[in-house]
Amino acid sequence: MKLGVFTALYGNLSFDEALAKLKALGVEAIEIPAGGYPGKAHCDPEVLLADRDAFAKFVATIEKYGMEVSALSVHGNPVHPDKAVAKAFDDDFRRCVLLAEKLGIDTVITFSGCPGDSENSKYPNWVTCPWPDDYLKILDWQWNEVLIPYWKEAVAFANAHGVTKIALEMHPGFCVYNPETLLKLRAAVGSTIGANLDPSHLIWQGIDPVLAIRKLGDAIYHFHAKDTKVDPYNSATDGVLDTKHYSDELHRAWVFRSVGYGHDLQFWRDIVSNLRLVGYDKVMSIEHEDSLMSIDEGLSKAVACLREAIMSDPKPSSMHWA
């Protein structure tokens, strides 16, 4: 397993400067934002697909630092009820797929997206309960009339261009937000759909990441290393569905933390071990969204913790004692 980083955290630096910092930390792989919510600071597919010199410089920079590219990320909402918004996200996704093809990368990361409640909606509508019955009608329309048809076509496009793994990040606010909904879409659309497993989004929902790993198995295509701390006082009082801004750390039910600051080393060792048990032995890509630490400190703390947890040597093919 390799130590990776989602380079969005250094979007204020040039690509060369960002990779230099990561190389100095011992990072072996990078996940590169290529549109959607994470932006295009280091990688604009529209430019790289059209400009031969820009593409050559981009590839040369990656090779200069000996980095493996674990995936291109284009998190967005391509089924947004605002057609112009949806098209912008869909355009980003398709350009990202074309760039992945050109780079020889088979994995693209995004969100499932979330439609509204009808063709006339302006904003997404994330359904979280089955009653009143209106909500089940919304869910049925979202999945059968919008989500499944969109992803069937998107999968066909991706496959035609060499992208065989669309790793959906299970994120509340979108239709795919837990293992059950991930597997539901995968069953409807096919095995190109898999998971970018980010424990931080599961933890605050009350999901055990190890059990999620066991349930998803070979449907795990990528992994985000990010932690969450559930506040025992605020969550016990008001629950975990929290709409306060992320900067209001003292009053929130939970906050994102750097690896090791939401849970201890053994927690992360168990995650690493279970990833290997189900056959995922690729990259753990650190995503920094800890509002209590600077980027440099949060990243260095996460790197230090994961160095202790990651098993770098390949899994043994035999057991010398048995």
Protein backbone atom coordinates (compact mmCIF):
# COMPACT_ATOMS: atom_id res chain seq x y z
CA MET A 1 0.00 0.00 0.00
CA LYS A 2 1.25 3.47 -0.84
CA LEU A 3 0.98 6.83 0.86
CA GLY A 4 -0.81 9.38 -1.30
CA VAL A 5 -2.23 12.90 -1.10
CA PHE A 6 -5.14 14.68 -2.76
CA THR A 7 -3.28 17.70 -4.13
CA ALA A 8 -6.23 20.09 -3.78
CA LEU A 9 -4.80 21.16 -0.42
CA TYR A 10 -1.92 22.91 -2.21
CA GLY A 11 -4.02 24.55 -4.91
CA ASN A 12 -2.42 27.90 -4.03
CA LEU A 13 0.99 26.57 -5.14
CA SER A 14 2.20 25.68 -8.60
CA PHE A 15 2.04 21.99 -9.49
CA ASP A 16 5.83 21.78 -9.29
CA GLU A 17 5.92 23.45 -5.87
CA ALA A 18 3.16 21.20 -4.55
CA LEU A 19 4.88 18.01 -5.69
CA ALA A 20 8.20 19.18 -4.26
CA LYS A 21 6.59 19.57 -0.81
CA LEU A 22 4.89 16.19 -1.06
CA LYS A 23 8.05 14.44 -2.22
CA ALA A 24 9.93 15.87 0.77
CA LEU A 25 7.33 14.28 3.06
CA GLY A 26 7.84 10.87 1.48
CA VAL A 27 4.54 10.85 -0.44
CA GLU A 28 4.50 8.26 -3.22
CA ALA A 29 1.24 8.93 -5.06
CA ILE A 30 -1.03 11.81 -5.94
CA GLU A 31 -4.74 12.19 -6.60
CA ILE A 32 -5.20 15.22 -8.84
CA PRO A 33 -8.28 17.48 -8.89
CA ALA A 34 -9.45 17.96 -12.46
CA GLY A 35 -12.67 19.95 -12.23
CA GLY A 36 -15.93 20.09 -10.33
CA TYR A 37 -15.93 21.27 -6.72
CA PRO A 38 -12.17 20.68 -6.17
CA GLY A 39 -11.28 23.00 -9.05
CA LYS A 40 -8.56 22.84 -11.70
CA ALA A 41 -5.60 24.60 -10.10
CA HIS A 42 -3.09 21.92 -11.11
CA CYS A 43 -4.93 20.20 -13.92
CA ASP A 44 -7.35 21.73 -16.41
CA PRO A 45 -8.36 18.92 -18.79
CA GLU A 46 -9.70 21.35 -21.37
CA VAL A 47 -6.24 22.93 -21.63
CA LEU A 48 -4.23 19.72 -21.36
CA LEU A 49 -6.30 17.98 -24.03
CA ALA A 50 -5.79 20.84 -26.49
CA ASP A 51 -2.26 22.05 -25.75
CA ARG A 52 0.49 19.52 -26.51
CA ASP A 53 3.18 21.52 -24.74
CA ALA A 54 1.08 22.02 -21.60
CA PHE A 55 0.34 18.29 -21.51
CA ALA A 56 4.02 17.40 -21.92
CA LYS A 57 5.00 19.78 -19.09
CA PHE A 58 2.28 18.31 -16.86
CA VAL A 59 3.50 14.75 -17.41
CA ALA A 60 7.14 15.78 -17.03
CA THR A 61 6.42 17.36 -13.64
CA ILE A 62 4.84 14.13 -12.39
CA GLU A 63 7.78 12.11 -13.68
CA LYS A 64 10.29 14.57 -12.20
CA TYR A 65 9.10 13.69 -8.70
CA GLY A 66 8.52 10.01 -9.40
CA MET A 67 4.86 10.18 -8.42
CA GLU A 68 2.20 7.60 -9.19
CA VAL A 69 -1.19 9.08 -10.11
CA SER A 70 -3.81 7.14 -8.18
CA ALA A 71 -6.81 8.90 -9.77
CA LEU A 72 -8.19 12.07 -11.27
CA SER A 73 -10.94 13.67 -9.17
CA VAL A 74 -13.84 15.63 -10.57
CA HIS A 75 -16.33 15.69 -7.68
CA GLY A 76 -19.57 17.29 -8.85
CA ASN A 77 -23.34 17.01 -9.20
CA PRO A 78 -24.01 16.09 -12.84
CA VAL A 79 -27.71 15.46 -12.10
CA HIS A 80 -28.30 18.87 -10.50
CA PRO A 81 -31.86 20.11 -11.22
CA ASP A 82 -30.48 23.34 -12.69
CA LYS A 83 -29.68 22.15 -16.20
CA ALA A 84 -26.85 24.64 -16.69
CA VAL A 85 -25.20 23.57 -13.43
CA ALA A 86 -25.64 19.90 -14.30
CA LYS A 87 -24.13 20.42 -17.76
CA ALA A 88 -21.08 22.19 -16.32
CA PHE A 89 -20.41 19.29 -13.95
CA ASP A 90 -21.09 16.72 -16.69
CA ASP A 91 -18.75 18.53 -19.10
CA ASP A 92 -16.04 18.48 -16.42
CA PHE A 93 -16.59 14.75 -15.87
CA ARG A 94 -16.33 13.92 -19.56
CA ARG A 95 -13.20 16.02 -20.11
CA CYS A 96 -11.69 14.37 -17.04
CA VAL A 97 -12.40 10.93 -18.52
CA LEU A 98 -10.75 11.94 -21.80
CA LEU A 99 -7.68 13.20 -19.95
CA ALA A 100 -7.53 9.99 -17.89
CA GLU A 101 -7.56 8.05 -21.17
CA LYS A 102 -4.67 10.14 -22.50
CA LEU A 103 -2.69 9.61 -19.28
CA GLY A 104 -3.46 5.89 -19.10
CA ILE A 105 -5.35 6.23 -15.79
CA ASP A 106 -8.32 3.90 -15.23
CA THR A 107 -9.89 5.56 -12.15
CA VAL A 108 -11.93 8.75 -11.92
CA ILE A 109 -13.46 9.96 -8.64
CA THR A 110 -16.69 11.92 -8.28
CA PHE A 111 -20.03 12.08 -6.44
CA SER A 112 -23.22 10.35 -7.52
CA GLY A 113 -25.00 13.69 -7.50
CA CYS A 114 -28.49 14.47 -6.27
CA PRO A 115 -31.46 15.66 -8.35
CA GLY A 116 -34.31 17.79 -7.14
CA ASP A 117 -37.78 16.41 -6.43
CA SER A 118 -39.15 16.96 -9.95
CA GLU A 119 -38.33 18.33 -13.38
CA ASN A 120 -39.28 21.79 -12.11
CA SER A 121 -36.90 21.88 -9.13
CA LYS A 122 -34.23 24.54 -8.63
CA TYR A 123 -32.13 22.83 -5.95
CA PRO A 124 -31.13 19.26 -4.99
CA ASN A 125 -33.38 17.41 -2.55
CA TRP A 126 -31.58 14.88 -0.32
CA VAL A 127 -34.17 12.50 1.15
CA THR A 128 -33.34 11.08 4.60
CA CYS A 129 -36.63 9.56 5.80
CA PRO A 130 -39.49 7.47 4.35
CA TRP A 131 -42.47 9.36 5.74
CA PRO A 132 -44.60 11.24 4.81
CA ASP A 133 -44.97 9.15 1.65
CA ASP A 134 -43.99 12.13 -0.50
CA TYR A 135 -40.36 11.34 0.24
CA LEU A 136 -40.55 7.80 -1.12
CA LYS A 137 -42.10 9.17 -4.31
CA ILE A 138 -39.21 11.62 -4.61
CA LEU A 139 -36.66 8.83 -4.11
CA ASP A 140 -38.31 6.63 -6.73
CA TRP A 141 -38.25 9.49 -9.26
CA GLN A 142 -34.67 10.47 -8.45
CA TRP A 143 -33.29 6.96 -8.84
CA ASN A 144 -35.36 5.53 -11.69
CA GLU A 145 -35.91 8.61 -13.82
CA VAL A 146 -32.63 10.50 -13.30
CA LEU A 147 -29.78 8.82 -11.43
CA ILE A 148 -29.74 5.34 -12.98
CA PRO A 149 -30.27 6.55 -16.57
CA TYR A 150 -27.53 9.18 -16.18
CA TRP A 151 -24.97 6.77 -14.78
CA LYS A 152 -25.72 4.05 -17.33
CA GLU A 153 -24.82 6.48 -20.09
CA ALA A 154 -21.85 7.93 -18.16
CA VAL A 155 -20.45 4.44 -17.56
CA ALA A 156 -20.72 3.62 -21.27
CA PHE A 157 -18.83 6.82 -22.10
CA ALA A 158 -16.14 6.10 -19.51
CA ASN A 159 -15.67 2.51 -20.67
CA ALA A 160 -15.34 3.63 -24.28
CA HIS A 161 -12.39 5.76 -23.18
CA GLY A 162 -10.54 3.28 -20.98
CA VAL A 163 -11.91 4.37 -17.61
CA THR A 164 -13.09 1.18 -15.96
CA LYS A 165 -13.45 2.48 -12.40
CA ILE A 166 -15.73 5.35 -11.43
CA ALA A 167 -15.10 5.73 -7.71
CA LEU A 168 -18.07 7.47 -6.10
CA GLU A 169 -17.39 9.17 -2.81
CA MET A 170 -20.20 8.28 -0.41
CA HIS A 171 -21.20 11.72 0.82
CA PRO A 172 -24.36 12.90 2.62
CA GLY A 173 -26.27 15.35 0.47
CA PHE A 174 -26.00 13.06 -2.55
CA CYS A 175 -27.99 9.96 -3.46
CA VAL A 176 -25.03 7.67 -2.81
CA TYR A 177 -24.00 8.36 0.78
CA ASN A 178 -23.39 4.94 2.40
CA PRO A 179 -22.47 1.37 1.40
CA GLU A 180 -26.11 0.39 0.82
CA THR A 181 -26.78 3.17 -1.69
CA LEU A 182 -23.40 2.63 -3.37
CA LEU A 183 -24.16 -1.04 -3.93
CA LYS A 184 -27.71 -0.18 -5.07
CA LEU A 185 -26.37 2.02 -7.89
CA ARG A 186 -23.66 -0.52 -8.72
CA ALA A 187 -26.28 -3.27 -9.04
CA ALA A 188 -28.35 -1.11 -11.37
CA VAL A 189 -25.53 0.23 -13.52
CA GLY A 190 -22.67 -2.28 -13.39
CA SER A 191 -19.29 -2.89 -11.82
CA THR A 192 -17.66 0.22 -13.31
CA ILE A 193 -19.32 1.94 -10.34
CA GLY A 194 -17.36 1.50 -7.13
CA ALA A 195 -16.39 3.44 -4.02
CA ASN A 196 -13.90 6.09 -3.12
CA LEU A 197 -14.10 5.12 0.54
CA ASP A 198 -13.69 8.17 2.78
CA PRO A 199 -14.17 7.15 6.44
CA SER A 200 -14.78 10.74 7.53
CA HIS A 201 -18.18 10.85 5.83
CA LEU A 202 -19.19 7.49 7.27
CA ILE A 203 -18.07 8.04 10.85
CA TRP A 204 -20.47 10.87 11.66
CA GLN A 205 -23.36 8.83 10.23
CA GLY A 206 -22.59 6.16 12.83
CA ILE A 207 -21.07 3.77 10.29
CA ASP A 208 -18.06 1.66 11.29
CA PRO A 209 -15.50 2.07 8.47
CA VAL A 210 -14.17 -1.46 9.00
CA LEU A 211 -17.64 -2.94 8.53
CA ALA A 212 -18.14 -0.73 5.48
CA ILE A 213 -14.89 -2.07 4.03
CA ARG A 214 -16.06 -5.64 4.66
CA LYS A 215 -19.42 -4.98 3.01
CA LEU A 216 -18.03 -3.22 -0.06
CA GLY A 217 -15.12 -5.60 -0.65
CA ASP A 218 -13.88 -5.50 -4.24
CA ALA A 219 -16.15 -2.52 -4.97
CA ILE A 220 -13.54 -0.28 -3.27
CA TYR A 221 -11.61 1.46 -6.04
CA HIS A 222 -9.89 4.26 -4.10
CA PHE A 223 -9.44 5.42 -0.51
CA HIS A 224 -9.41 8.85 1.16
CA ALA A 225 -7.49 9.08 4.42
CA LYS A 226 -9.47 11.62 6.45
CA ASP A 227 -10.75 11.46 10.02
CA THR A 228 -13.78 12.84 11.86
CA LYS A 229 -14.25 13.60 15.55
CA VAL A 230 -17.80 13.31 16.85
CA ASP A 231 -18.31 15.73 19.75
CA PRO A 232 -19.74 13.66 22.62
CA TYR A 233 -21.60 16.63 24.12
CA ASN A 234 -23.09 18.38 21.11
CA SER A 235 -24.06 15.17 19.34
CA ALA A 236 -25.68 13.76 22.48
CA THR A 237 -27.79 16.90 22.75
CA ASP A 238 -28.76 17.63 19.15
CA GLY A 239 -27.79 14.58 17.09
CA VAL A 240 -25.39 14.44 14.17
CA LEU A 241 -27.39 16.15 11.40
CA ASP A 242 -25.61 19.46 11.73
CA THR A 243 -25.96 22.45 9.39
CA LYS A 244 -23.72 24.86 11.32
CA HIS A 245 -20.73 26.11 9.37
CA TYR A 246 -17.58 24.00 9.60
CA SER A 247 -15.79 26.91 11.23
CA ASP A 248 -18.09 26.74 14.28
CA GLU A 249 -16.06 23.85 15.68
CA LEU A 250 -16.96 24.41 19.34
CA HIS A 251 -20.70 23.99 18.74
CA ARG A 252 -20.81 21.44 15.93
CA ALA A 253 -21.79 17.79 16.48
CA TRP A 254 -18.69 16.70 14.56
CA VAL A 255 -15.69 18.14 12.73
CA PHE A 256 -13.27 16.80 10.15
CA ARG A 257 -9.83 16.02 11.59
CA SER A 258 -6.44 14.98 10.30
CA VAL A 259 -5.74 11.27 10.43
CA GLY A 260 -5.07 10.28 14.04
CA TYR A 261 -6.93 13.22 15.58
CA GLY A 262 -10.41 11.73 15.37
CA HIS A 263 -9.36 8.18 16.19
CA ASP A 264 -6.20 6.53 17.44
CA LEU A 265 -3.49 4.63 15.61
CA GLN A 266 -5.10 1.23 16.24
CA PHE A 267 -8.28 2.43 14.51
CA TRP A 268 -6.25 3.23 11.39
CA ARG A 269 -4.27 0.00 11.63
CA ASP A 270 -7.56 -1.89 11.60
CA ILE A 271 -8.67 0.03 8.51
CA VAL A 272 -5.42 -0.76 6.70
CA SER A 273 -5.60 -4.43 7.65
CA ASN A 274 -9.18 -4.81 6.50
CA LEU A 275 -8.50 -3.04 3.22
CA ARG A 276 -5.82 -5.63 2.57
CA LEU A 277 -8.17 -8.45 3.62
CA VAL A 278 -10.71 -7.47 0.93
CA GLY A 279 -8.02 -7.03 -1.72
CA TYR A 280 -7.46 -3.26 -1.74
CA ASP A 281 -3.72 -2.72 -1.50
CA LYS A 282 -3.28 0.45 -3.53
CA VAL A 283 -3.13 4.04 -2.28
CA MET A 284 -4.33 5.77 0.88
CA SER A 285 -4.86 9.33 -0.34
CA ILE A 286 -4.76 11.95 2.42
CA GLU A 287 -7.40 14.65 2.15
CA HIS A 288 -6.77 17.58 4.47
CA GLU A 289 -9.89 19.36 5.77
CA ASP A 290 -8.93 19.88 9.41
CA SER A 291 -9.96 23.42 10.40
CA LEU A 292 -7.96 23.30 13.64
CA MET A 293 -4.59 22.83 11.93
CA SER A 294 -2.66 24.54 9.18
CA ILE A 295 -2.33 22.61 5.95
CA ASP A 296 1.35 21.85 6.53
CA GLU A 297 0.87 20.68 10.11
CA GLY A 298 -2.30 18.72 9.40
CA LEU A 299 -0.67 16.95 6.46
CA SER A 300 2.54 16.15 8.35
CA LYS A 301 0.55 14.73 11.30
CA ALA A 302 -1.51 12.56 8.93
CA VAL A 303 1.62 11.35 7.14
CA ALA A 304 3.25 10.42 10.45
CA CYS A 305 0.20 8.45 11.60
CA LEU A 306 -0.25 6.61 8.32
CA ARG A 307 3.43 5.70 8.14
CA GLU A 308 2.84 3.73 11.34
CA ALA A 309 -0.34 2.14 10.02
CA ILE A 310 0.40 1.35 6.37
CA MET A 311 1.86 -2.02 5.40
CA SER A 312 4.19 -1.17 2.53
CA ASP A 313 5.52 -4.60 1.59
CA PRO A 314 3.28 -6.77 -0.61
CA LYS A 315 1.05 -9.28 1.13
CA PRO A 316 3.03 -12.54 1.61
CA SER A 317 2.21 -15.28 -0.90
CA SER A 318 2.89 -17.96 1.71
CA MET A 319 3.19 -18.38 5.45
CA HIS A 320 6.55 -19.71 6.62
CA TRP A 321 5.01 -21.13 9.79
CA ALA A 322 2.11 -22.99 8.21
